[in-house]
Amino acid sequence: MDLEIQRKKAEKLYLSNFGCRTNFERAVFFSWYCAIRDCKYCYMSTQPSNKKPHEARRRIESVLAEVYLLGKFGWDFGQLSGGHEAFDEDELENLLKLINIIHKQGIWLNAGPLTEGQITRFKPYLRGIVGALETPRQSLHDEICPSKPISDIENTLDLALKHGLETSVTIILGLGENKGDYDLLKEFIERFKISVIHYYALNPQKGTAYENTKSPPQEYQGWWISKTRLDFPKIIIQCGIWADKVNQVAYLLNSGANTVSKFPALKLFGRPEAIELERQFKLAGRSHRSNLTHPMKIDATADISELNLPESLKTKIIEKINMYLKRMN
């Protein structure tokens, strides 16, 4: 099918199921450490092998401050994401509990393979589990993610379904896959009842095997999005976009995507890239509730003081929120 015909059909299908709405969503990252650490596209693969988990993770108050701010600015909480085993089981459960106190909703967790015991512990704070599949072709996946077998991802998603959680998957386009691999992904979506799919275009990281690889064009990302929309009319499709490609957002939304992620909103709040992102939403004919450009007066002290959190932690969270707001304003 001609791409433009495919996109128009996908957009029509999107509008019939979701209306003229979109939003910006924020993935909250909790670490730069990963016990796997050999995926060839990933920044974490460039980190020293002797680095300890506590040396490469965010402070709890920083994570919680970001969760608070995304709610205030109307950003969707896409997922809590970080390297495998950056926190031990007790620490991660505690982090999820604290996030739940602020966010007050179940969250999506993307933290690598999980055991049934871990899922049982984390379940009260979760909406679903994200499987970082990245590419569906077994041979390519084995080459670029040698220590993250697809079977581990499949087992984790099976456990999520067993425990009544939703399932999601991430795909990075530009790793060496081709359009012929789509049927493998389609089968994966059907098998694991995927309700949310994240389509990212490769963002080449310095020091990785993909350092000199070009990110795929918007037409390629748009093909995968529109193809998925036609086959799965009600699936949530999230397209990852980097700051230097924000001018592609309208094209991707009109290919059938629901929301936009990966934009560094805290860092670029109110700057030309954020202004352009909001313009792209309008250009695509989509309404949204995400504020990426207008400073707000927020009384973090009053809000955080009411929460059931340790007093010492409240003070640290408030300080971090005000630091972020000062930077954003």
Protein backbone atom coordinates (compact mmCIF):
# COMPACT_ATOMS: atom_id res chain seq x y z
CA MET A 1 0.00 0.00 0.00
CA ASP A 2 1.24 3.50 -0.81
CA LEU A 3 2.50 5.14 2.39
CA GLU A 4 0.33 8.24 2.13
CA ILE A 5 -2.79 6.15 1.56
CA GLN A 6 -1.79 3.99 4.53
CA ARG A 7 -1.27 7.07 6.73
CA LYS A 8 -4.60 8.61 5.76
CA LYS A 9 -6.43 5.39 6.58
CA ALA A 10 -4.57 5.13 9.88
CA GLU A 11 -5.38 8.73 10.81
CA LYS A 12 -9.06 8.23 10.01
CA LEU A 13 -9.09 5.10 12.18
CA TYR A 14 -7.31 6.94 14.97
CA LEU A 15 -9.83 9.79 14.96
CA SER A 16 -12.78 7.40 15.03
CA ASN A 17 -11.40 5.72 18.15
CA PHE A 18 -9.70 8.55 20.05
CA GLY A 19 -10.92 11.84 18.64
CA CYS A 20 -8.71 14.89 18.02
CA ARG A 21 -6.64 14.47 21.19
CA THR A 22 -2.99 14.00 21.99
CA ASN A 23 -0.63 14.82 24.85
CA PHE A 24 2.98 14.91 25.91
CA GLU A 25 4.03 12.07 28.16
CA ARG A 26 7.05 11.85 30.37
CA ALA A 27 9.09 8.74 31.07
CA VAL A 28 10.59 9.15 34.55
CA PHE A 29 14.11 7.73 34.56
CA PHE A 30 15.58 6.44 37.82
CA SER A 31 19.13 5.27 37.02
CA TRP A 32 22.14 5.21 34.73
CA TYR A 33 23.17 1.78 36.03
CA CYS A 34 22.16 -1.52 34.47
CA ALA A 35 23.26 -5.01 35.47
CA ILE A 36 22.85 -6.17 31.85
CA ARG A 37 24.74 -3.27 30.30
CA ASP A 38 25.72 -4.74 26.92
CA CYS A 39 22.88 -3.69 24.59
CA LYS A 40 24.83 -2.23 21.70
CA TYR A 41 22.65 0.85 21.15
CA CYS A 42 22.42 1.88 24.81
CA TYR A 43 24.27 4.65 26.60
CA MET A 44 24.62 2.39 29.65
CA SER A 45 26.82 0.03 27.64
CA THR A 46 29.51 2.75 27.62
CA GLN A 47 29.67 2.93 31.41
CA PRO A 48 32.54 1.36 33.42
CA SER A 49 31.93 -2.28 34.33
CA ASN A 50 32.98 -1.66 37.94
CA LYS A 51 30.36 1.03 38.54
CA LYS A 52 28.10 0.22 41.50
CA PRO A 53 24.30 0.64 41.42
CA HIS A 54 24.23 3.39 44.06
CA GLU A 55 26.77 5.41 42.07
CA ALA A 56 24.52 5.79 39.04
CA ARG A 57 20.97 6.36 40.16
CA ARG A 58 18.89 9.41 40.92
CA ARG A 59 18.08 10.54 44.41
CA ILE A 60 14.61 9.57 45.57
CA GLU A 61 13.59 13.20 46.08
CA SER A 62 14.54 14.03 42.48
CA VAL A 63 12.34 11.25 41.09
CA LEU A 64 9.42 12.24 43.31
CA ALA A 65 9.78 15.94 42.45
CA GLU A 66 9.53 15.08 38.76
CA VAL A 67 6.46 12.92 39.34
CA TYR A 68 4.83 15.84 41.16
CA LEU A 69 5.65 18.33 38.39
CA LEU A 70 4.40 16.20 35.52
CA GLY A 71 1.02 16.12 37.22
CA LYS A 72 0.99 19.89 37.67
CA PHE A 73 1.93 20.62 34.07
CA GLY A 74 -0.53 18.15 32.57
CA TRP A 75 2.02 15.66 31.27
CA ASP A 76 1.10 11.99 31.20
CA PHE A 77 3.24 9.62 33.28
CA GLY A 78 4.46 7.32 30.51
CA GLN A 79 6.54 4.88 32.53
CA LEU A 80 9.06 4.53 35.32
CA SER A 81 12.21 3.38 33.60
CA GLY A 82 15.78 2.52 34.47
CA GLY A 83 18.50 -0.10 34.34
CA HIS A 84 18.03 -3.64 35.57
CA GLU A 85 18.96 -4.11 39.27
CA ALA A 86 19.76 -0.44 39.82
CA PHE A 87 17.65 -0.81 42.98
CA ASP A 88 17.32 -4.00 44.95
CA GLU A 89 13.85 -5.46 45.43
CA ASP A 90 13.12 -3.68 48.71
CA GLU A 91 14.37 -0.34 47.39
CA LEU A 92 12.33 -0.54 44.19
CA GLU A 93 9.18 -1.49 46.07
CA ASN A 94 9.70 1.49 48.37
CA LEU A 95 10.22 3.82 45.39
CA LEU A 96 7.01 2.57 43.77
CA LYS A 97 5.13 3.08 47.04
CA LEU A 98 6.40 6.66 47.37
CA ILE A 99 5.54 7.45 43.75
CA ASN A 100 2.05 6.08 44.31
CA ILE A 101 1.53 8.48 47.22
CA ILE A 102 2.17 11.43 44.89
CA HIS A 103 0.80 10.10 41.59
CA LYS A 104 -2.17 8.28 43.13
CA GLN A 105 -2.49 5.96 40.11
CA GLY A 106 -0.93 2.73 39.00
CA ILE A 107 2.16 3.20 36.86
CA TRP A 108 3.92 1.42 34.02
CA LEU A 109 7.22 -0.14 35.09
CA ASN A 110 10.13 -0.72 32.71
CA ALA A 111 12.95 -2.22 34.78
CA GLY A 112 14.09 -5.31 32.91
CA PRO A 113 13.13 -8.95 33.53
CA LEU A 114 11.10 -9.55 36.70
CA THR A 115 10.36 -12.67 38.71
CA GLU A 116 6.88 -13.69 39.81
CA GLY A 117 7.81 -12.79 43.39
CA GLN A 118 8.81 -9.28 42.32
CA ILE A 119 5.66 -8.76 40.29
CA THR A 120 3.58 -9.92 43.25
CA ARG A 121 5.31 -7.38 45.50
CA PHE A 122 5.11 -4.50 43.00
CA LYS A 123 1.58 -5.20 41.75
CA PRO A 124 -0.29 -2.90 44.20
CA TYR A 125 1.49 0.12 42.68
CA LEU A 126 1.38 -0.86 39.02
CA ARG A 127 -0.88 -0.49 36.02
CA GLY A 128 1.31 -2.59 33.79
CA ILE A 129 4.72 -3.93 32.78
CA VAL A 130 6.78 -2.64 29.85
CA GLY A 131 8.89 -5.15 27.94
CA ALA A 132 11.93 -3.58 26.28
CA LEU A 133 11.81 -5.74 23.17
CA GLU A 134 13.50 -3.11 20.95
CA THR A 135 13.45 -5.34 17.85
CA PRO A 136 11.29 -8.42 17.16
CA ARG A 137 13.63 -10.48 14.96
CA GLN A 138 15.32 -13.11 17.14
CA SER A 139 18.66 -13.15 15.29
CA LEU A 140 19.02 -9.35 15.34
CA HIS A 141 17.91 -9.15 18.96
CA ASP A 142 20.49 -11.77 19.98
CA GLU A 143 23.20 -9.78 18.21
CA ILE A 144 22.47 -6.37 19.72
CA CYS A 145 21.15 -7.47 23.13
CA PRO A 146 23.23 -10.58 23.92
CA SER A 147 22.39 -10.62 27.64
CA LYS A 148 18.72 -9.66 27.33
CA PRO A 149 17.09 -12.64 25.58
CA ILE A 150 13.60 -12.26 24.18
CA SER A 151 12.55 -15.26 26.30
CA ASP A 152 13.14 -13.26 29.49
CA ILE A 153 10.91 -10.46 28.18
CA GLU A 154 8.26 -12.99 27.18
CA ASN A 155 8.33 -14.63 30.61
CA THR A 156 7.93 -11.27 32.34
CA LEU A 157 4.97 -10.30 30.15
CA ASP A 158 3.37 -13.71 30.70
CA LEU A 159 3.64 -13.15 34.45
CA ALA A 160 2.16 -9.67 34.11
CA LEU A 161 -0.87 -11.07 32.31
CA LYS A 162 -1.18 -13.86 34.87
CA HIS A 163 -1.40 -11.24 37.63
CA GLY A 164 -3.94 -9.08 35.82
CA LEU A 165 -1.57 -6.32 34.75
CA GLU A 166 -1.53 -4.63 31.37
CA THR A 167 1.37 -5.16 28.98
CA SER A 168 3.41 -2.78 26.84
CA VAL A 169 6.42 -3.01 24.56
CA THR A 170 9.17 -0.67 23.34
CA ILE A 171 10.56 -0.74 19.81
CA ILE A 172 13.63 1.15 18.57
CA LEU A 173 13.59 1.68 14.82
CA GLY A 174 16.91 1.87 13.01
CA LEU A 175 18.76 -1.00 14.70
CA GLY A 176 18.90 -3.08 11.53
CA GLU A 177 15.33 -4.32 11.28
CA ASN A 178 13.27 -3.95 8.10
CA LYS A 179 9.59 -3.73 7.21
CA GLY A 180 9.53 -7.49 6.75
CA ASP A 181 9.97 -7.83 10.53
CA TYR A 182 6.60 -6.20 11.16
CA ASP A 183 4.77 -9.53 11.02
CA LEU A 184 6.94 -10.77 13.91
CA LEU A 185 5.96 -7.73 15.94
CA LYS A 186 2.30 -8.17 15.05
CA GLU A 187 2.43 -11.74 16.33
CA PHE A 188 4.12 -10.53 19.54
CA ILE A 189 1.43 -7.87 20.11
CA GLU A 190 -1.31 -10.45 19.67
CA ARG A 191 0.35 -13.11 21.82
CA PHE A 192 1.02 -10.84 24.80
CA LYS A 193 -2.13 -8.70 24.51
CA ILE A 194 -0.06 -5.53 24.18
CA SER A 195 -2.19 -2.45 24.89
CA VAL A 196 0.56 0.21 24.57
CA ILE A 197 3.47 0.30 22.12
CA HIS A 198 6.33 2.80 22.17
CA TYR A 199 7.98 3.51 18.82
CA TYR A 200 11.34 5.25 19.18
CA ALA A 201 13.67 6.20 16.35
CA LEU A 202 17.30 5.35 17.09
CA ASN A 203 19.15 8.18 18.82
CA PRO A 204 22.82 7.23 18.20
CA GLN A 205 24.84 7.40 21.42
CA LYS A 206 28.52 8.30 21.46
CA GLY A 207 30.74 5.34 22.26
CA THR A 208 28.21 2.71 21.20
CA ALA A 209 28.24 0.47 18.14
CA TYR A 210 25.60 2.75 16.61
CA GLU A 211 27.51 5.99 17.16
CA ASN A 212 27.85 6.66 13.41
CA THR A 213 24.46 5.27 12.39
CA LYS A 214 21.84 7.68 11.10
CA SER A 215 18.46 7.89 12.77
CA PRO A 216 15.72 6.68 10.40
CA PRO A 217 13.55 9.28 8.62
CA GLN A 218 10.06 10.21 9.72
CA GLU A 219 8.57 8.29 6.81
CA TYR A 220 9.99 5.04 8.19
CA GLN A 221 8.73 5.66 11.72
CA GLY A 222 5.41 6.77 10.22
CA TRP A 223 5.15 3.51 8.26
CA TRP A 224 5.45 1.38 11.42
CA ILE A 225 3.00 3.58 13.34
CA SER A 226 0.36 3.60 10.59
CA LYS A 227 0.74 -0.12 9.91
CA THR A 228 0.21 -0.87 13.58
CA ARG A 229 -2.82 1.43 13.78
CA LEU A 230 -4.49 -0.34 10.85
CA ASP A 231 -3.98 -3.76 12.43
CA PHE A 232 -4.77 -2.67 16.01
CA PRO A 233 -7.33 0.18 15.93
CA LYS A 234 -7.55 0.63 19.70
CA ILE A 235 -3.91 0.16 20.73
CA ILE A 236 -2.15 3.15 22.31
CA ILE A 237 0.80 4.17 20.13
CA GLN A 238 3.41 6.45 21.66
CA CYS A 239 6.06 7.96 19.40
CA GLY A 240 9.39 8.95 20.86
CA ILE A 241 10.81 12.17 19.47
CA TRP A 242 14.14 13.84 20.18
CA ALA A 243 14.62 17.59 20.57
CA ASP A 244 16.34 17.93 17.19
CA LYS A 245 13.43 16.25 15.41
CA VAL A 246 10.50 17.98 17.01
CA ASN A 247 9.39 19.22 13.58
CA GLN A 248 8.36 15.62 12.79
CA VAL A 249 5.67 15.42 15.47
CA ALA A 250 2.67 16.43 13.33
CA TYR A 251 3.66 13.88 10.69
CA LEU A 252 3.89 11.08 13.26
CA LEU A 253 0.65 12.00 14.99
CA ASN A 254 -1.13 12.07 11.64
CA SER A 255 0.28 8.59 11.00
CA GLY A 256 -1.92 7.32 13.82
CA ALA A 257 0.07 7.93 17.03
CA ASN A 258 -1.64 8.87 20.29
CA THR A 259 1.04 10.72 22.21
CA VAL A 260 4.60 12.04 22.10
CA SER A 261 7.42 11.10 24.46
CA LYS A 262 11.20 11.41 24.92
CA PHE A 263 11.23 15.22 24.60
CA PRO A 264 13.39 16.65 27.46
CA ALA A 265 10.64 18.90 28.79
CA LEU A 266 12.27 19.90 32.09
CA LYS A 267 15.43 21.01 30.33
CA LEU A 268 13.76 22.71 27.35
CA PHE A 269 10.61 24.06 29.00
CA GLY A 270 9.56 27.32 27.34
CA ARG A 271 12.38 27.22 24.81
CA PRO A 272 12.00 27.27 21.03
CA GLU A 273 11.88 23.47 20.79
CA ALA A 274 8.99 23.33 23.29
CA ILE A 275 7.15 26.13 21.49
CA GLU A 276 7.56 24.17 18.26
CA LEU A 277 6.25 21.00 19.89
CA GLU A 278 3.04 22.74 20.91
CA ARG A 279 2.79 24.20 17.40
CA GLN A 280 3.14 20.69 15.97
CA PHE A 281 0.22 19.51 18.10
CA LYS A 282 -1.89 22.29 16.60
CA LEU A 283 -0.58 21.57 13.09
CA ALA A 284 -1.69 17.95 13.48
CA GLY A 285 -5.17 19.12 14.46
CA ARG A 286 -4.88 17.73 17.98
CA SER A 287 -5.93 19.30 21.27
CA HIS A 288 -3.81 18.66 24.37
CA ARG A 289 -3.58 19.53 28.05
CA SER A 290 0.22 19.48 28.38
CA ASN A 291 1.84 22.80 29.27
CA LEU A 292 5.36 22.98 27.85
CA THR A 293 5.80 26.72 27.54
CA HIS A 294 4.02 28.78 30.20
CA PRO A 295 5.46 29.21 33.74
CA MET A 296 3.08 28.42 36.59
CA LYS A 297 2.84 29.54 40.20
CA ILE A 298 2.92 26.38 42.27
CA ASP A 299 2.81 26.07 46.05
CA ALA A 300 4.78 22.88 46.42
CA THR A 301 5.14 23.33 50.17
CA ALA A 302 1.37 23.23 50.70
CA ASP A 303 0.89 20.26 48.39
CA ILE A 304 3.74 18.09 49.64
CA SER A 305 3.13 18.89 53.31
CA GLU A 306 -0.26 17.17 53.11
CA LEU A 307 1.16 13.88 51.90
CA ASN A 308 1.88 10.84 54.06
CA LEU A 309 5.66 11.02 53.66
CA PRO A 310 8.56 11.28 56.14
CA GLU A 311 9.11 14.93 57.10
CA SER A 312 12.78 14.84 56.13
CA LEU A 313 11.87 13.53 52.67
CA LYS A 314 9.16 16.19 52.25
CA THR A 315 11.76 18.91 52.80
CA LYS A 316 14.08 17.41 50.19
CA ILE A 317 11.27 16.99 47.64
CA ILE A 318 10.13 20.60 48.08
CA GLU A 319 13.69 21.85 47.64
CA LYS A 320 14.07 19.80 44.45
CA ILE A 321 10.71 20.97 43.06
CA ASN A 322 11.63 24.61 43.61
CA MET A 323 15.01 24.01 41.94
CA TYR A 324 13.28 22.56 38.87
CA LEU A 325 10.73 25.39 38.79
CA LYS A 326 13.46 28.02 38.98
CA ARG A 327 15.19 26.42 36.01
CA MET A 328 11.95 26.09 34.05
CA ASN A 329 10.87 29.67 34.73
